[in-house]
Amino acid sequence: MVQVSVWAGMSKESKRRIAEGITKVFEEIGIPKEAVEIIIYETPKTNWATGGELHSESERLTKTKVP
């Protein structure tokens, strides 16, 4: 099982592309796609911090846009 954490608000298409890409990597090493399970967790920027700064409050960290 692969667990992916992303900021809240990611589009359905972006999630689909993530799932397809991860699955492809596993298929390339011989694992059947039916055996690949992926869970995408969405976390609000108010609950995500890097270097002691909440992403919702840091000008440097809020410049990254969610696709």
N, C-alpha and C. Protein backbone atom coordinates (compact mmCIF):
# COMPACT_ATOMS: atom_id res chain seq x y z
N MET A 1 0.84 -1.16 0.00
CA MET A 1 0.00 0.00 0.00
C MET A 1 0.89 1.24 0.00
N VAL A 2 0.56 2.16 -0.87
CA VAL A 2 1.27 3.43 -0.96
C VAL A 2 0.36 4.51 -0.39
N GLN A 3 0.90 5.30 0.51
CA GLN A 3 0.15 6.41 1.09
C GLN A 3 0.78 7.72 0.64
N VAL A 4 -0.04 8.61 0.11
CA VAL A 4 0.43 9.89 -0.40
C VAL A 4 -0.29 11.00 0.34
N SER A 5 0.47 11.95 0.87
CA SER A 5 -0.12 13.10 1.55
C SER A 5 0.04 14.32 0.67
N VAL A 6 -1.06 15.03 0.45
CA VAL A 6 -1.06 16.25 -0.37
C VAL A 6 -1.87 17.32 0.34
N TRP A 7 -1.67 18.56 -0.08
CA TRP A 7 -2.50 19.64 0.45
C TRP A 7 -3.92 19.48 -0.05
N ALA A 8 -4.87 19.90 0.74
CA ALA A 8 -6.27 19.83 0.36
C ALA A 8 -6.52 20.69 -0.87
N GLY A 9 -7.41 20.21 -1.72
CA GLY A 9 -7.81 20.98 -2.89
C GLY A 9 -7.24 20.47 -4.20
N MET A 10 -6.49 19.39 -4.18
CA MET A 10 -5.92 18.85 -5.41
C MET A 10 -7.05 18.34 -6.30
N SER A 11 -6.92 18.59 -7.59
CA SER A 11 -7.97 18.18 -8.52
C SER A 11 -8.03 16.66 -8.67
N LYS A 12 -9.20 16.19 -9.08
CA LYS A 12 -9.39 14.76 -9.32
C LYS A 12 -8.43 14.28 -10.40
N GLU A 13 -8.22 15.08 -11.44
CA GLU A 13 -7.31 14.72 -12.52
C GLU A 13 -5.88 14.57 -12.01
N SER A 14 -5.45 15.46 -11.14
CA SER A 14 -4.09 15.35 -10.58
C SER A 14 -3.95 14.08 -9.75
N LYS A 15 -4.97 13.76 -8.98
CA LYS A 15 -4.94 12.53 -8.18
C LYS A 15 -4.88 11.30 -9.09
N ARG A 16 -5.64 11.34 -10.17
CA ARG A 16 -5.63 10.24 -11.13
C ARG A 16 -4.22 10.07 -11.72
N ARG A 17 -3.59 11.17 -12.07
CA ARG A 17 -2.23 11.11 -12.65
C ARG A 17 -1.22 10.57 -11.64
N ILE A 18 -1.36 10.95 -10.38
CA ILE A 18 -0.49 10.41 -9.32
C ILE A 18 -0.67 8.91 -9.23
N ALA A 19 -1.92 8.46 -9.17
CA ALA A 19 -2.20 7.03 -9.05
C ALA A 19 -1.67 6.25 -10.25
N GLU A 20 -1.87 6.78 -11.44
CA GLU A 20 -1.38 6.10 -12.64
C GLU A 20 0.15 6.03 -12.65
N GLY A 21 0.80 7.13 -12.26
CA GLY A 21 2.26 7.16 -12.26
C GLY A 21 2.87 6.20 -11.26
N ILE A 22 2.31 6.18 -10.06
CA ILE A 22 2.81 5.27 -9.03
C ILE A 22 2.61 3.82 -9.47
N THR A 23 1.43 3.54 -9.99
CA THR A 23 1.14 2.18 -10.46
C THR A 23 2.11 1.76 -11.56
N LYS A 24 2.41 2.66 -12.48
CA LYS A 24 3.33 2.35 -13.57
C LYS A 24 4.71 1.96 -13.05
N VAL A 25 5.20 2.67 -12.05
CA VAL A 25 6.51 2.35 -11.47
C VAL A 25 6.52 0.94 -10.90
N PHE A 26 5.47 0.56 -10.20
CA PHE A 26 5.39 -0.79 -9.64
C PHE A 26 5.29 -1.84 -10.74
N GLU A 27 4.53 -1.54 -11.78
CA GLU A 27 4.43 -2.48 -12.91
C GLU A 27 5.79 -2.69 -13.56
N GLU A 28 6.59 -1.64 -13.65
CA GLU A 28 7.92 -1.74 -14.26
C GLU A 28 8.86 -2.66 -13.49
N ILE A 29 8.58 -2.87 -12.21
CA ILE A 29 9.43 -3.78 -11.44
C ILE A 29 8.75 -5.13 -11.23
N GLY A 30 7.70 -5.39 -12.01
CA GLY A 30 7.09 -6.71 -12.04
C GLY A 30 5.90 -6.93 -11.13
N ILE A 31 5.39 -5.89 -10.52
CA ILE A 31 4.22 -6.04 -9.64
C ILE A 31 2.97 -5.75 -10.46
N PRO A 32 2.00 -6.67 -10.46
CA PRO A 32 0.78 -6.43 -11.24
C PRO A 32 0.00 -5.23 -10.71
N LYS A 33 -0.59 -4.47 -11.62
CA LYS A 33 -1.29 -3.25 -11.20
C LYS A 33 -2.42 -3.53 -10.22
N GLU A 34 -3.01 -4.72 -10.30
CA GLU A 34 -4.10 -5.07 -9.38
C GLU A 34 -3.61 -5.18 -7.93
N ALA A 35 -2.31 -5.33 -7.76
CA ALA A 35 -1.76 -5.47 -6.41
C ALA A 35 -1.35 -4.13 -5.80
N VAL A 36 -1.43 -3.06 -6.58
CA VAL A 36 -1.00 -1.74 -6.12
C VAL A 36 -2.20 -0.98 -5.55
N GLU A 37 -2.14 -0.69 -4.28
CA GLU A 37 -3.19 0.09 -3.62
C GLU A 37 -2.60 1.42 -3.19
N ILE A 38 -3.35 2.49 -3.46
CA ILE A 38 -2.87 3.84 -3.17
C ILE A 38 -3.96 4.58 -2.42
N ILE A 39 -3.56 5.22 -1.34
CA ILE A 39 -4.48 6.08 -0.59
C ILE A 39 -3.90 7.48 -0.62
N ILE A 40 -4.71 8.44 -1.04
CA ILE A 40 -4.30 9.84 -1.08
C ILE A 40 -5.00 10.58 0.05
N TYR A 41 -4.19 11.11 0.96
CA TYR A 41 -4.70 11.87 2.08
C TYR A 41 -4.56 13.36 1.79
N GLU A 42 -5.65 14.09 1.94
CA GLU A 42 -5.62 15.54 1.76
C GLU A 42 -5.55 16.22 3.13
N THR A 43 -4.58 17.10 3.28
CA THR A 43 -4.40 17.80 4.54
C THR A 43 -4.46 19.30 4.30
N PRO A 44 -5.26 20.03 5.06
CA PRO A 44 -5.28 21.49 4.90
C PRO A 44 -3.93 22.09 5.28
N LYS A 45 -3.58 23.20 4.63
CA LYS A 45 -2.31 23.86 4.93
C LYS A 45 -2.23 24.32 6.39
N THR A 46 -3.36 24.47 7.04
CA THR A 46 -3.35 24.85 8.46
C THR A 46 -2.88 23.71 9.34
N ASN A 47 -2.88 22.48 8.81
CA ASN A 47 -2.44 21.31 9.56
C ASN A 47 -1.11 20.75 9.06
N TRP A 48 -0.37 21.53 8.27
CA TRP A 48 0.87 21.07 7.66
C TRP A 48 1.94 22.12 7.93
N ALA A 49 3.06 21.69 8.48
CA ALA A 49 4.15 22.62 8.77
C ALA A 49 5.47 22.08 8.25
N THR A 50 6.34 22.99 7.88
CA THR A 50 7.70 22.65 7.47
C THR A 50 8.64 23.63 8.15
N GLY A 51 9.66 23.12 8.78
CA GLY A 51 10.62 23.98 9.44
C GLY A 51 10.01 24.84 10.53
N GLY A 52 8.98 24.33 11.17
CA GLY A 52 8.34 25.06 12.27
C GLY A 52 7.34 26.11 11.81
N GLU A 53 7.07 26.20 10.51
CA GLU A 53 6.13 27.18 10.00
C GLU A 53 4.92 26.48 9.39
N LEU A 54 3.72 26.94 9.78
CA LEU A 54 2.51 26.43 9.14
C LEU A 54 2.49 26.92 7.69
N HIS A 55 2.12 26.05 6.79
CA HIS A 55 2.06 26.43 5.38
C HIS A 55 1.01 27.50 5.14
N SER A 56 -0.02 27.53 5.96
CA SER A 56 -1.07 28.52 5.79
C SER A 56 -0.62 29.92 6.20
N GLU A 57 0.46 30.02 6.98
CA GLU A 57 0.90 31.31 7.50
C GLU A 57 2.23 31.78 6.92
N SER A 58 2.93 30.92 6.25
CA SER A 58 4.24 31.27 5.73
C SER A 58 4.14 31.75 4.29
N GLU A 59 4.57 32.98 4.04
CA GLU A 59 4.54 33.51 2.68
C GLU A 59 5.40 32.68 1.75
N ARG A 60 6.54 32.23 2.24
CA ARG A 60 7.45 31.41 1.44
C ARG A 60 6.80 30.07 1.07
N LEU A 61 6.07 29.48 1.99
CA LEU A 61 5.49 28.16 1.77
C LEU A 61 4.15 28.20 1.04
N THR A 62 3.45 29.33 1.06
CA THR A 62 2.13 29.41 0.44
C THR A 62 2.22 29.70 -1.05
N LYS A 63 3.41 29.97 -1.57
CA LYS A 63 3.57 30.25 -3.01
C LYS A 63 3.31 29.02 -3.87
N THR A 64 3.45 27.84 -3.32
CA THR A 64 3.21 26.61 -4.06
C THR A 64 1.72 26.42 -4.25
N LYS A 65 1.30 26.26 -5.49
CA LYS A 65 -0.12 26.08 -5.82
C LYS A 65 -0.46 24.60 -5.91
N VAL A 66 -1.66 24.25 -5.48
CA VAL A 66 -2.14 22.87 -5.56
C VAL A 66 -2.69 22.66 -6.96
N PRO A 67 -2.17 21.63 -7.69
CA PRO A 67 -2.65 21.39 -9.07
C PRO A 67 -4.06 20.84 -9.10
